[in-house]
C-alpha atoms as a PDB file:
ATOM      1  CA  MET A   1     112.223  72.709 -17.570  1.00  0.00           C
ATOM      2  CA  GLU A   2     108.537  72.182 -17.760  1.00  0.00           C
ATOM      3  CA  SER A   3     106.296  69.562 -19.631  1.00  0.00           C
ATOM      4  CA  GLN A   4     103.083  67.765 -19.086  1.00  0.00           C
ATOM      5  CA  ASN A   5     104.621  64.575 -17.828  1.00  0.00           C
ATOM      6  CA  GLY A   6     108.400  64.076 -16.828  1.00  0.00           C
ATOM      7  CA  GLY A   7     110.012  67.532 -16.514  1.00  0.00           C
ATOM      8  CA  VAL A   8     113.304  66.025 -17.759  1.00  0.00           C
ATOM      9  CA  ALA A   9     112.352  62.476 -18.894  1.00  0.00           C
ATOM     10  CA  SER A  10     109.399  60.382 -19.692  1.00  0.00           C
ATOM     11  CA  ILE A  11     110.333  56.745 -19.699  1.00  0.00           C
ATOM     12  CA  SER A  12     107.829  53.837 -20.541  1.00  0.00           C
ATOM     13  CA  SER A  13     107.969  50.092 -21.301  1.00  0.00           C
ATOM     14  CA  SER A  14     111.669  49.922 -20.840  1.00  0.00           C
ATOM     15  CA  GLY A  15     114.206  47.804 -19.144  1.00  0.00           C
ATOM     16  CA  ASP A  16     116.022  48.780 -15.961  1.00  0.00           C
ATOM     17  CA  VAL A  17     116.156  52.576 -15.239  1.00  0.00           C
ATOM     18  CA  VAL A  18     119.278  54.002 -13.386  1.00  0.00           C
ATOM     19  CA  ILE A  19     119.523  57.681 -12.359  1.00  0.00           C
ATOM     20  CA  SER A  20     122.809  58.289 -10.314  1.00  0.00           C
ATOM     21  CA  LYS A  21     124.895  61.204  -9.105  1.00  0.00           C
ATOM     22  CA  CYS A  22     122.710  63.882 -10.571  1.00  0.00           C
ATOM     23  CA  THR A  23     121.599  67.260  -9.321  1.00  0.00           C
ATOM     24  CA  MET A  24     117.884  67.960 -10.127  1.00  0.00           C
ATOM     25  CA  HIS A  25     116.756  71.562  -9.415  1.00  0.00           C
ATOM     26  CA  GLY A  26     113.693  73.431 -10.275  1.00  0.00           C
ATOM     27  CA  ASN A  27     112.147  71.144 -12.925  1.00  0.00           C
ATOM     28  CA  THR A  28     108.327  71.070 -13.381  1.00  0.00           C
ATOM     29  CA  ALA A  29     105.704  68.794 -14.781  1.00  0.00           C
ATOM     30  CA  ALA A  30     101.974  69.695 -14.908  1.00  0.00           C
ATOM     31  CA  GLU A  31     100.968  66.134 -14.149  1.00  0.00           C
ATOM     32  CA  TYR A  32     103.393  63.280 -13.501  1.00  0.00           C
ATOM     33  CA  GLY A  33     107.005  63.607 -12.390  1.00  0.00           C
ATOM     34  CA  GLY A  34     108.688  66.945 -11.980  1.00  0.00           C
ATOM     35  CA  VAL A  35     111.963  65.255 -13.121  1.00  0.00           C
ATOM     36  CA  ALA A  36     110.981  61.684 -14.272  1.00  0.00           C
ATOM     37  CA  ASN A  37     107.846  59.912 -15.330  1.00  0.00           C
ATOM     38  CA  ILE A  38     108.570  56.122 -15.332  1.00  0.00           C
ATOM     39  CA  SER A  39     106.125  53.466 -16.084  1.00  0.00           C
ATOM     40  CA  TYR A  40     105.932  49.809 -17.143  1.00  0.00           C
ATOM     41  CA  SER A  41     109.734  49.362 -16.610  1.00  0.00           C
ATOM     42  CA  GLY A  42     112.091  46.980 -14.933  1.00  0.00           C
ATOM     43  CA  ASP A  43     114.129  47.870 -11.800  1.00  0.00           C
ATOM     44  CA  VAL A  44     114.272  51.530 -10.995  1.00  0.00           C
ATOM     45  CA  SER A  45     117.345  52.856  -9.131  1.00  0.00           C
ATOM     46  CA  ILE A  46     117.699  56.610  -8.018  1.00  0.00           C
ATOM     47  CA  SER A  47     120.921  57.089  -6.057  1.00  0.00           C
ATOM     48  CA  GLU A  48     123.461  59.828  -4.805  1.00  0.00           C
ATOM     49  CA  CYS A  49     121.216  62.637  -6.205  1.00  0.00           C
ATOM     50  CA  THR A  50     120.529  66.021  -4.997  1.00  0.00           C
ATOM     51  CA  MET A  51     116.859  67.056  -5.591  1.00  0.00           C
ATOM     52  CA  THR A  52     115.713  70.493  -4.809  1.00  0.00           C
ATOM     53  CA  GLU A  53     112.534  72.549  -5.595  1.00  0.00           C
ATOM     54  CA  ASN A  54     111.196  70.199  -8.323  1.00  0.00           C
ATOM     55  CA  THR A  55     107.384  70.094  -8.671  1.00  0.00           C
ATOM     56  CA  ALA A  56     104.391  68.090 -10.220  1.00  0.00           C
ATOM     57  CA  SER A  57     100.920  67.100  -9.419  1.00  0.00           C
ATOM     58  CA  ARG A  58     102.006  63.601  -8.623  1.00  0.00           C
ATOM     59  CA  GLY A  59     105.652  63.050  -7.657  1.00  0.00           C
ATOM     60  CA  GLY A  60     107.573  66.342  -7.292  1.00  0.00           C
ATOM     61  CA  VAL A  61     110.671  64.504  -8.410  1.00  0.00           C
ATOM     62  CA  ALA A  62     109.565  61.182  -9.707  1.00  0.00           C
ATOM     63  CA  TYR A  63     106.250  59.420 -10.710  1.00  0.00           C
ATOM     64  CA  ILE A  64     106.947  55.558 -10.945  1.00  0.00           C
ATOM     65  CA  SER A  65     104.186  53.050 -11.671  1.00  0.00           C
ATOM     66  CA  ASP A  66     103.932  49.484 -12.984  1.00  0.00           C
ATOM     67  CA  SER A  67     107.690  48.843 -12.586  1.00  0.00           C
ATOM     68  CA  ASP A  68     109.584  45.963 -10.779  1.00  0.00           C
ATOM     69  CA  HIS A  69     111.725  47.126  -7.797  1.00  0.00           C
ATOM     70  CA  VAL A  70     112.225  50.692  -6.793  1.00  0.00           C
ATOM     71  CA  VAL A  71     115.342  51.815  -4.896  1.00  0.00           C
ATOM     72  CA  ILE A  72     115.980  55.304  -3.788  1.00  0.00           C
ATOM     73  CA  SER A  73     119.298  55.694  -1.856  1.00  0.00           C
ATOM     74  CA  GLU A  74     121.778  58.217  -0.593  1.00  0.00           C
ATOM     75  CA  CYS A  75     119.809  61.144  -1.816  1.00  0.00           C
ATOM     76  CA  THR A  76     119.308  64.726  -0.488  1.00  0.00           C
ATOM     77  CA  MET A  77     115.687  65.712  -1.041  1.00  0.00           C
ATOM     78  CA  THR A  78     114.851  69.297  -0.242  1.00  0.00           C
ATOM     79  CA  GLU A  79     111.724  71.545  -0.832  1.00  0.00           C
ATOM     80  CA  ASN A  80     110.203  69.289  -3.585  1.00  0.00           C
ATOM     81  CA  THR A  81     106.459  69.683  -3.837  1.00  0.00           C
ATOM     82  CA  ALA A  82     103.371  67.785  -5.297  1.00  0.00           C
ATOM     83  CA  SER A  83      99.843  67.185  -4.599  1.00  0.00           C
ATOM     84  CA  TYR A  84     100.687  63.609  -4.001  1.00  0.00           C
ATOM     85  CA  GLY A  85     104.103  62.607  -3.073  1.00  0.00           C
ATOM     86  CA  GLY A  86     106.414  65.699  -2.655  1.00  0.00           C
ATOM     87  CA  VAL A  87     109.381  63.651  -3.860  1.00  0.00           C
ATOM     88  CA  ALA A  88     107.999  60.519  -5.236  1.00  0.00           C
ATOM     89  CA  TYR A  89     104.575  58.912  -6.066  1.00  0.00           C
ATOM     90  CA  ILE A  90     104.989  55.167  -6.583  1.00  0.00           C
ATOM     91  CA  SER A  91     102.063  52.705  -7.331  1.00  0.00           C
ATOM     92  CA  ASP A  92     101.494  49.248  -8.596  1.00  0.00           C
ATOM     93  CA  SER A  93     105.163  48.200  -8.399  1.00  0.00           C
ATOM     94  CA  GLY A  94     107.239  45.601  -6.648  1.00  0.00           C
ATOM     95  CA  ASP A  95     109.353  46.187  -3.531  1.00  0.00           C
ATOM     96  CA  VAL A  96     110.184  49.783  -2.685  1.00  0.00           C
ATOM     97  CA  SER A  97     113.225  50.677  -0.648  1.00  0.00           C
ATOM     98  CA  ILE A  98     114.160  54.311   0.405  1.00  0.00           C
ATOM     99  CA  SER A  99     117.370  54.356   2.378  1.00  0.00           C
ATOM    100  CA  GLU A 100     120.125  56.675   3.697  1.00  0.00           C
ATOM    101  CA  CYS A 101     118.424  59.823   2.477  1.00  0.00           C
ATOM    102  CA  ASN A 102     118.098  63.268   3.942  1.00  0.00           C
ATOM    103  CA  MET A 103     114.473  64.511   3.474  1.00  0.00           C
ATOM    104  CA  THR A 104     113.975  68.220   4.451  1.00  0.00           C
ATOM    105  CA  GLY A 105     111.122  70.694   3.830  1.00  0.00           C
ATOM    106  CA  ASN A 106     109.290  68.675   1.176  1.00  0.00           C
ATOM    107  CA  GLY A 107     105.478  69.105   0.824  1.00  0.00           C
ATOM    108  CA  ALA A 108     102.329  67.726  -0.648  1.00  0.00           C
ATOM    109  CA  SER A 109      98.947  69.486  -0.822  1.00  0.00           C
ATOM    110  CA  MET A 110      97.233  66.238  -0.242  1.00  0.00           C
ATOM    111  CA  TYR A 111      99.207  63.015   0.580  1.00  0.00           C
ATOM    112  CA  GLY A 112     102.677  62.163   1.481  1.00  0.00           C
ATOM    113  CA  GLY A 113     105.060  65.092   2.032  1.00  0.00           C
ATOM    114  CA  VAL A 114     107.998  62.979   0.865  1.00  0.00           C
ATOM    115  CA  ALA A 115     106.384  59.867  -0.599  1.00  0.00           C
ATOM    116  CA  ASP A 116     102.902  58.477  -1.622  1.00  0.00           C
ATOM    117  CA  ILE A 117     103.165  54.765  -2.101  1.00  0.00           C
ATOM    118  CA  SER A 118     100.322  52.519  -2.980  1.00  0.00           C
ATOM    119  CA  TYR A 119      99.459  48.913  -4.250  1.00  0.00           C
ATOM    120  CA  SER A 120     103.184  47.797  -4.062  1.00  0.00           C
ATOM    121  CA  GLY A 121     105.215  44.961  -2.511  1.00  0.00           C
ATOM    122  CA  ASP A 122     107.344  45.438   0.609  1.00  0.00           C
ATOM    123  CA  VAL A 123     108.001  49.027   1.529  1.00  0.00           C
ATOM    124  CA  SER A 124     111.212  49.895   3.410  1.00  0.00           C
ATOM    125  CA  ILE A 125     112.372  53.127   4.670  1.00  0.00           C
ATOM    126  CA  SER A 126     115.592  53.022   6.593  1.00  0.00           C
ATOM    127  CA  GLU A 127     118.468  55.218   7.952  1.00  0.00           C
ATOM    128  CA  CYS A 128     116.862  58.433   6.786  1.00  0.00           C
ATOM    129  CA  ALA A 129     116.730  61.844   8.411  1.00  0.00           C
ATOM    130  CA  MET A 130     113.089  63.303   7.855  1.00  0.00           C
ATOM    131  CA  THR A 131     112.836  66.905   8.893  1.00  0.00           C
ATOM    132  CA  GLU A 132     110.124  69.482   8.643  1.00  0.00           C
ATOM    133  CA  ASN A 133     108.191  67.800   5.721  1.00  0.00           C
ATOM    134  CA  ILE A 134     104.537  68.546   5.520  1.00  0.00           C
ATOM    135  CA  ALA A 135     101.333  67.162   3.996  1.00  0.00           C
ATOM    136  CA  SER A 136      98.085  69.159   3.938  1.00  0.00           C
ATOM    137  CA  ASP A 137      96.102  65.953   4.459  1.00  0.00           C
ATOM    138  CA  HIS A 138      97.681  62.539   5.264  1.00  0.00           C
ATOM    139  CA  GLY A 139     101.221  61.544   5.905  1.00  0.00           C
ATOM    140  CA  GLY A 140     103.630  64.305   6.695  1.00  0.00           C
ATOM    141  CA  VAL A 141     106.543  62.072   5.390  1.00  0.00           C
ATOM    142  CA  ALA A 142     104.800  59.251   3.822  1.00  0.00           C
ATOM    143  CA  ARG A 143     101.343  57.719   2.893  1.00  0.00           C
ATOM    144  CA  ILE A 144     101.573  53.942   2.457  1.00  0.00           C
ATOM    145  CA  SER A 145      98.475  51.955   1.383  1.00  0.00           C
ATOM    146  CA  SER A 146      97.643  48.572   0.178  1.00  0.00           C
ATOM    147  CA  SER A 147     101.168  47.222   0.232  1.00  0.00           C
ATOM    148  CA  ASP A 148     102.739  43.950   1.444  1.00  0.00           C
ATOM    149  CA  HIS A 149     104.934  44.703   4.463  1.00  0.00           C
ATOM    150  CA  VAL A 150     106.044  48.115   5.672  1.00  0.00           C
ATOM    151  CA  VAL A 151     109.444  48.536   7.544  1.00  0.00           C
ATOM    152  CA  ILE A 152     110.639  51.851   8.874  1.00  0.00           C
ATOM    153  CA  SER A 153     113.837  51.486  10.791  1.00  0.00           C
ATOM    154  CA  GLU A 154     116.839  53.544  12.096  1.00  0.00           C
ATOM    155  CA  CYS A 155     115.321  56.817  11.062  1.00  0.00           C
ATOM    156  CA  THR A 156     115.253  60.299  12.683  1.00  0.00           C
ATOM    157  CA  MET A 157     111.830  61.996  12.356  1.00  0.00           C
ATOM    158  CA  THR A 158     111.728  65.637  13.503  1.00  0.00           C
ATOM    159  CA  GLY A 159     109.111  68.314  13.148  1.00  0.00           C
ATOM    160  CA  ASN A 160     107.073  66.782  10.410  1.00  0.00           C
ATOM    161  CA  THR A 161     103.398  67.666   9.965  1.00  0.00           C
ATOM    162  CA  ALA A 162     100.170  66.439   8.556  1.00  0.00           C
ATOM    163  CA  ALA A 163      97.153  68.673   8.704  1.00  0.00           C
ATOM    164  CA  GLU A 164      94.922  65.587   9.149  1.00  0.00           C
ATOM    165  CA  TYR A 165      96.435  61.996   9.774  1.00  0.00           C
ATOM    166  CA  GLY A 166      99.803  60.810  10.595  1.00  0.00           C
ATOM    167  CA  GLY A 167     102.561  63.540  11.225  1.00  0.00           C
ATOM    168  CA  VAL A 168     105.205  61.093   9.846  1.00  0.00           C
ATOM    169  CA  ALA A 169     103.333  58.217   8.371  1.00  0.00           C
ATOM    170  CA  TYR A 170      99.778  57.277   7.309  1.00  0.00           C
ATOM    171  CA  ILE A 171      99.584  53.523   6.822  1.00  0.00           C
ATOM    172  CA  SER A 172      96.582  51.554   5.862  1.00  0.00           C
ATOM    173  CA  TYR A 173      95.525  48.213   4.420  1.00  0.00           C
ATOM    174  CA  SER A 174      98.964  46.759   4.491  1.00  0.00           C
ATOM    175  CA  GLY A 175     100.458  43.501   5.782  1.00  0.00           C
ATOM    176  CA  GLY A 176     103.022  43.469   8.698  1.00  0.00           C
ATOM    177  CA  VAL A 177     104.223  46.782   9.848  1.00  0.00           C
ATOM    178  CA  SER A 178     107.455  47.251  11.718  1.00  0.00           C
ATOM    179  CA  ILE A 179     108.706  50.555  13.044  1.00  0.00           C
ATOM    180  CA  SER A 180     112.095  50.249  14.923  1.00  0.00           C
ATOM    181  CA  GLU A 181     115.066  52.021  16.323  1.00  0.00           C
ATOM    182  CA  CYS A 182     113.650  55.364  15.347  1.00  0.00           C
ATOM    183  CA  ALA A 183     113.813  58.789  17.091  1.00  0.00           C
ATOM    184  CA  MET A 184     110.533  60.601  16.651  1.00  0.00           C
ATOM    185  CA  THR A 185     110.407  64.183  17.995  1.00  0.00           C
ATOM    186  CA  GLU A 186     107.903  66.970  17.857  1.00  0.00           C
ATOM    187  CA  ASN A 187     105.830  65.647  14.885  1.00  0.00           C
ATOM    188  CA  THR A 188     102.321  66.891  14.592  1.00  0.00           C
ATOM    189  CA  ALA A 189      99.048  65.980  13.082  1.00  0.00           C
ATOM    190  CA  SER A 190      95.319  66.341  13.984  1.00  0.00           C
ATOM    191  CA  TYR A 191      95.168  62.572  14.520  1.00  0.00           C
ATOM    192  CA  GLY A 192      98.271  60.523  15.202  1.00  0.00           C
ATOM    193  CA  GLY A 193     101.256  62.947  15.803  1.00  0.00           C
ATOM    194  CA  VAL A 194     103.627  60.277  14.437  1.00  0.00           C
ATOM    195  CA  ALA A 195     101.441  57.771  12.711  1.00  0.00           C
ATOM    196  CA  TYR A 196      98.009  56.881  11.720  1.00  0.00           C
ATOM    197  CA  ILE A 197      97.673  53.044  11.262  1.00  0.00           C
ATOM    198  CA  SER A 198      94.519  51.340   9.988  1.00  0.00           C
ATOM    199  CA  SER A 199      93.379  47.896   8.795  1.00  0.00           C
ATOM    200  CA  SER A 200      97.004  46.469   8.874  1.00  0.00           C
ATOM    201  CA  ASP A 201      98.404  43.206  10.241  1.00  0.00           C
ATOM    202  CA  HIS A 202     100.900  42.465  13.048  1.00  0.00           C
ATOM    203  CA  VAL A 203     101.994  46.222  13.820  1.00  0.00           C
ATOM    204  CA  VAL A 204     105.214  46.287  15.881  1.00  0.00           C
ATOM    205  CA  ILE A 205     106.836  49.508  17.074  1.00  0.00           C
ATOM    206  CA  SER A 206     110.008  48.776  19.017  1.00  0.00           C
ATOM    207  CA  GLU A 207     113.169  50.361  20.399  1.00  0.00           C
ATOM    208  CA  CYS A 208     111.973  53.832  19.510  1.00  0.00           C
ATOM    209  CA  THR A 209     112.164  57.152  21.351  1.00  0.00           C
ATOM    210  CA  MET A 210     109.034  59.192  20.863  1.00  0.00           C
ATOM    211  CA  THR A 211     109.152  62.646  22.461  1.00  0.00           C
ATOM    212  CA  GLY A 212     107.109  65.713  22.322  1.00  0.00           C
ATOM    213  CA  ASN A 213     104.729  64.591  19.584  1.00  0.00           C
ATOM    214  CA  THR A 214     101.322  66.120  19.289  1.00  0.00           C
ATOM    215  CA  ALA A 215      97.764  65.441  18.080  1.00  0.00           C
ATOM    216  CA  ALA A 216      96.901  68.987  17.621  1.00  0.00           C
ATOM    217  CA  LEU A 217      93.230  68.595  17.172  1.00  0.00           C
ATOM    218  CA  SER A 218      92.031  65.378  18.638  1.00  0.00           C
ATOM    219  CA  SER A 219      93.545  62.063  19.341  1.00  0.00           C
ATOM    220  CA  GLY A 220      96.730  60.003  19.595  1.00  0.00           C
ATOM    221  CA  GLY A 221      99.811  62.046  20.429  1.00  0.00           C
ATOM    222  CA  VAL A 222     101.893  59.353  18.860  1.00  0.00           C
ATOM    223  CA  ALA A 223      99.532  56.979  17.170  1.00  0.00           C
ATOM    224  CA  TYR A 224      95.916  56.780  16.135  1.00  0.00           C
ATOM    225  CA  ILE A 225      95.095  53.229  15.557  1.00  0.00           C
ATOM    226  CA  GLU A 226      92.090  51.631  13.939  1.00  0.00           C
ATOM    227  CA  SER A 227      91.340  47.842  13.170  1.00  0.00           C
ATOM    228  CA  SER A 228      95.037  46.871  13.840  1.00  0.00           C
ATOM    229  CA  ASP A 229      96.591  44.949  16.720  1.00  0.00           C
ATOM    230  CA  VAL A 230      99.583  46.870  17.926  1.00  0.00           C
ATOM    231  CA  LEU A 231     102.661  45.907  20.055  1.00  0.00           C
ATOM    232  CA  ILE A 232     104.789  48.768  21.432  1.00  0.00           C
ATOM    233  CA  SER A 233     107.986  47.328  23.008  1.00  0.00           C
ATOM    234  CA  GLU A 234     111.146  48.625  24.427  1.00  0.00           C
ATOM    235  CA  CYS A 235     110.188  52.293  23.631  1.00  0.00           C
ATOM    236  CA  THR A 236     110.562  55.595  25.560  1.00  0.00           C
ATOM    237  CA  LEU A 237     107.304  57.645  25.325  1.00  0.00           C
ATOM    238  CA  THR A 238     107.796  61.017  26.942  1.00  0.00           C
ATOM    239  CA  GLY A 239     105.982  64.383  26.797  1.00  0.00           C
ATOM    240  CA  ASN A 240     103.447  63.490  23.947  1.00  0.00           C
ATOM    241  CA  THR A 241     100.131  65.308  23.941  1.00  0.00           C
ATOM    242  CA  ALA A 242      96.746  65.084  22.439  1.00  0.00           C
ATOM    243  CA  SER A 243      95.329  68.700  22.508  1.00  0.00           C
ATOM    244  CA  GLY A 244      91.783  70.026  22.293  1.00  0.00           C
ATOM    245  CA  SER A 245      88.884  67.783  23.311  1.00  0.00           C
ATOM    246  CA  SER A 246      91.311  64.875  23.022  1.00  0.00           C
ATOM    247  CA  TYR A 247      91.809  61.259  23.624  1.00  0.00           C
ATOM    248  CA  GLY A 248      95.142  59.236  24.271  1.00  0.00           C
ATOM    249  CA  GLY A 249      98.341  61.352  24.828  1.00  0.00           C
ATOM    250  CA  VAL A 250     100.249  58.420  23.410  1.00  0.00           C
ATOM    251  CA  ALA A 251      97.684  56.214  21.689  1.00  0.00           C
ATOM    252  CA  TYR A 252      94.093  56.169  20.580  1.00  0.00           C
ATOM    253  CA  ALA A 253      92.892  52.540  20.138  1.00  0.00           C
ATOM    254  CA  GLY A 254      89.811  53.295  18.000  1.00  0.00           C
ATOM    255  CA  VAL A 255      87.006  51.724  16.182  1.00  0.00           C
ATOM    256  CA  GLY A 256      87.659  48.356  14.666  1.00  0.00           C
ATOM    257  CA  SER A 257      86.181  45.204  13.402  1.00  0.00           C
ATOM    258  CA  PRO A 258      87.252  42.723  14.751  1.00  0.00           C
ATOM    259  CA  TYR A 259      88.188  44.428  18.095  1.00  0.00           C
ATOM    260  CA  MET A 260      91.789  45.317  18.498  1.00  0.00           C
ATOM    261  CA  VAL A 261      94.458  44.766  21.195  1.00  0.00           C
ATOM    262  CA  LEU A 262      97.010  47.446  22.013  1.00  0.00           C
ATOM    263  CA  THR A 263     100.021  46.116  23.982  1.00  0.00           C
ATOM    264  CA  ILE A 264     102.741  48.315  25.572  1.00  0.00           C
ATOM    265  CA  THR A 265     105.623  46.367  27.214  1.00  0.00           C
ATOM    266  CA  ASN A 266     109.090  47.032  28.581  1.00  0.00           C
ATOM    267  CA  SER A 267     108.678  50.795  28.015  1.00  0.00           C
ATOM    268  CA  ALA A 268     109.052  54.104  29.863  1.00  0.00           C
ATOM    269  CA  ILE A 269     105.723  56.003  29.671  1.00  0.00           C
ATOM    270  CA  ILE A 270     106.401  59.349  31.192  1.00  0.00           C
ATOM    271  CA  ASP A 271     104.671  62.710  31.206  1.00  0.00           C
ATOM    272  CA  ASN A 272     102.199  62.290  28.480  1.00  0.00           C
ATOM    273  CA  SER A 273      98.774  64.179  28.476  1.00  0.00           C
ATOM    274  CA  ALA A 274      95.335  64.391  27.052  1.00  0.00           C
ATOM    275  CA  THR A 275      91.914  65.380  28.011  1.00  0.00           C
ATOM    276  CA  TYR A 276      90.753  61.754  28.201  1.00  0.00           C
ATOM    277  CA  GLY A 277      93.437  59.090  28.898  1.00  0.00           C
ATOM    278  CA  GLY A 278      96.925  60.578  29.446  1.00  0.00           C
ATOM    279  CA  VAL A 279      98.469  57.564  27.915  1.00  0.00           C
ATOM    280  CA  ALA A 280      95.723  55.889  26.002  1.00  0.00           C
ATOM    281  CA  TYR A 281      92.020  55.830  24.973  1.00  0.00           C
ATOM    282  CA  VAL A 282      90.522  52.543  24.361  1.00  0.00           C
ATOM    283  CA  TYR A 283      87.346  52.350  22.280  1.00  0.00           C
ATOM    284  CA  PRO A 284      84.401  50.139  23.214  1.00  0.00           C
ATOM    285  CA  GLY A 285      85.269  46.469  22.918  1.00  0.00           C
ATOM    286  CA  ASN A 286      89.136  46.892  22.600  1.00  0.00           C
ATOM    287  CA  THR A 287      91.851  45.883  25.056  1.00  0.00           C
ATOM    288  CA  LEU A 288      94.861  47.708  26.406  1.00  0.00           C
ATOM    289  CA  ILE A 289      97.596  45.716  28.083  1.00  0.00           C
ATOM    290  CA  ILE A 290     100.629  47.369  29.854  1.00  0.00           C
ATOM    291  CA  THR A 291     103.382  45.175  31.170  1.00  0.00           C
ATOM    292  CA  ASN A 292     106.791  45.561  32.604  1.00  0.00           C
ATOM    293  CA  SER A 293     106.800  49.267  32.177  1.00  0.00           C
ATOM    294  CA  THR A 294     107.424  52.525  34.140  1.00  0.00           C
ATOM    295  CA  ILE A 295     104.281  54.719  34.014  1.00  0.00           C
ATOM    296  CA  SER A 296     104.917  58.066  35.565  1.00  0.00           C
ATOM    297  CA  ASP A 297     103.572  61.451  35.693  1.00  0.00           C
ATOM    298  CA  ASN A 298     101.052  61.088  32.968  1.00  0.00           C
ATOM    299  CA  THR A 299      97.896  63.359  33.203  1.00  0.00           C
ATOM    300  CA  ALA A 300      94.386  63.789  31.913  1.00  0.00           C
ATOM    301  CA  SER A 301      92.508  67.085  32.501  1.00  0.00           C
ATOM    302  CA  LEU A 302      89.249  65.337  32.746  1.00  0.00           C
ATOM    303  CA  HIS A 303      89.376  61.435  32.983  1.00  0.00           C
ATOM    304  CA  GLY A 304      92.105  58.861  33.206  1.00  0.00           C
ATOM    305  CA  GLY A 305      95.514  59.848  33.885  1.00  0.00           C
ATOM    306  CA  VAL A 306      96.883  56.537  32.441  1.00  0.00           C
ATOM    307  CA  ALA A 307      93.879  55.205  30.522  1.00  0.00           C
ATOM    308  CA  TYR A 308      90.298  56.058  29.656  1.00  0.00           C
ATOM    309  CA  ILE A 309      88.626  52.700  29.204  1.00  0.00           C
ATOM    310  CA  ASP A 310      85.196  52.971  27.379  1.00  0.00           C
ATOM    311  CA  GLU A 311      82.302  50.823  27.837  1.00  0.00           C
ATOM    312  CA  GLY A 312      82.876  47.120  27.334  1.00  0.00           C
ATOM    313  CA  SER A 313      86.692  47.511  26.910  1.00  0.00           C
ATOM    314  CA  THR A 314      89.451  45.863  29.066  1.00  0.00           C
ATOM    315  CA  LEU A 315      92.545  47.217  30.795  1.00  0.00           C
ATOM    316  CA  ILE A 316      95.326  44.852  32.103  1.00  0.00           C
ATOM    317  CA  ILE A 317      98.382  46.443  33.853  1.00  0.00           C
ATOM    318  CA  MET A 318     100.895  43.953  35.091  1.00  0.00           C
ATOM    319  CA  ASN A 319     104.486  44.152  36.727  1.00  0.00           C
ATOM    320  CA  SER A 320     104.536  47.920  36.183  1.00  0.00           C
ATOM    321  CA  ALA A 321     105.686  50.752  38.494  1.00  0.00           C
ATOM    322  CA  ILE A 322     103.007  53.521  38.466  1.00  0.00           C
ATOM    323  CA  ARG A 323     102.925  57.173  39.549  1.00  0.00           C
ATOM    324  CA  VAL A 324     100.126  59.196  38.092  1.00  0.00           C
ATOM    325  CA  PHE A 325      98.434  62.588  38.796  1.00  0.00           C
ATOM    326  CA  THR A 326      94.988  61.857  37.665  1.00  0.00           C
ATOM    327  CA  VAL A 327      93.160  58.481  37.330  1.00  0.00           C
ATOM    328  CA  LYS A 328      89.482  58.447  36.783  1.00  0.00           C
ATOM    329  CA  LEU A 329      88.187  55.294  35.025  1.00  0.00           C
ATOM    330  CA  HIS A 330      85.069  55.593  33.154  1.00  0.00           C
ATOM    331  CA  ALA A 331      82.157  54.028  34.954  1.00  0.00           C
ATOM    332  CA  TRP A 332      81.280  51.589  32.258  1.00  0.00           C
ATOM    333  CA  ILE A 333      84.362  49.358  32.079  1.00  0.00           C
ATOM    334  CA  ASN A 334      85.532  45.718  32.310  1.00  0.00           C
ATOM    335  CA  VAL A 335      88.904  46.095  34.093  1.00  0.00           C
ATOM    336  CA  GLN A 336      91.352  43.487  35.202  1.00  0.00           C
ATOM    337  CA  LYS A 337      93.942  45.438  37.219  1.00  0.00           C
ATOM    338  CA  ARG A 338      97.240  43.795  38.344  1.00  0.00           C
ATOM    339  CA  ILE A 339     100.833  45.127  38.944  1.00  0.00           C
ATOM    340  CA  ASN A 340     102.533  41.941  40.009  1.00  0.00           C
ATOM    341  CA  ASP A 341     102.460  38.111  39.698  1.00  0.00           C
ATOM    342  CA  GLU A 342     100.464  37.932  42.990  1.00  0.00           C
ATOM    343  CA  GLY A 343      97.608  39.878  41.502  1.00  0.00           C
ATOM    344  CA  ASP A 344      97.668  42.782  44.098  1.00  0.00           C
ATOM    345  CA  PRO A 345      95.168  45.414  42.984  1.00  0.00           C
ATOM    346  CA  LEU A 346      96.206  48.652  41.314  1.00  0.00           C
ATOM    347  CA  GLY A 347      95.694  51.611  43.452  1.00  0.00           C
ATOM    348  CA  ALA A 348      94.955  55.120  42.245  1.00  0.00           C
ATOM    349  CA  GLU A 349      95.805  58.547  43.299  1.00  0.00           C
ATOM    350  CA  GLU A 350      93.499  61.542  42.648  1.00  0.00           C
END
């Protein structure tokens, strides 16, 4: 079916909307919602549906705006496409929950290969498998902006791609951000192979495995971070790469006002690489703290096998076991270097 808005249904100013146990295939809308255009409604629930090859300009399956709570659960989403939100475009709504879904091969020519979510309440994505979704600009799986809290948990994220920022997620201007118990493998973007995070509060990435992710053009093999304090805790960070004239095999701690702090603790940081900063690049004025971690076999083709600390920035390493191939700290740095409680100086191997 094909229409201007809502390839199957256009629903406005209604009570609760429930779509359950449906198969949605090959529906098209020129503008909003390849299957459904839903606005000014109560709670919206889409569950146990199979969604394949639906398309629209915004929301390949669903365009949802100005509604109460939005729940998408136990759905299979395959090869849906849009300019914004390959599966769903959600804005100006309450809390949003996406759970127990399989998302494969969905695409957006602009933002959010699976979902483009903005100006909403708490956003939760949990227990989902996200595979080979793509965005030609931001957020291979999701772009989330101007929302309250963002929680991504217990997800498997494999082979997702964004041409610009955030191979899995682009998150900006949001409240607390938590990414936990996820496996993130071989995701790619120009900036932030897994995530681009900007102007957000209390960002915590914990108990995740991040392997073989790539910043294909520039910086942040796992994360490209601006104007956000970030804690990475109890994670395994292995074989991540920033390619080209690149900065930060794991993380790029970039420009920000006020200055930001990147803390990595209780983690295994192994075999990551970049041109500058095999593990991290720290923009002037920012701080990198690494504690209680194993730091091994990270490399930089030019400077800083572990970290490239730019002018006026601070590096603190404490209680960590370090083996590196290349360590050349930039000449203009403010470095506090400790690896144990006694304050023994950190040695470096060329």
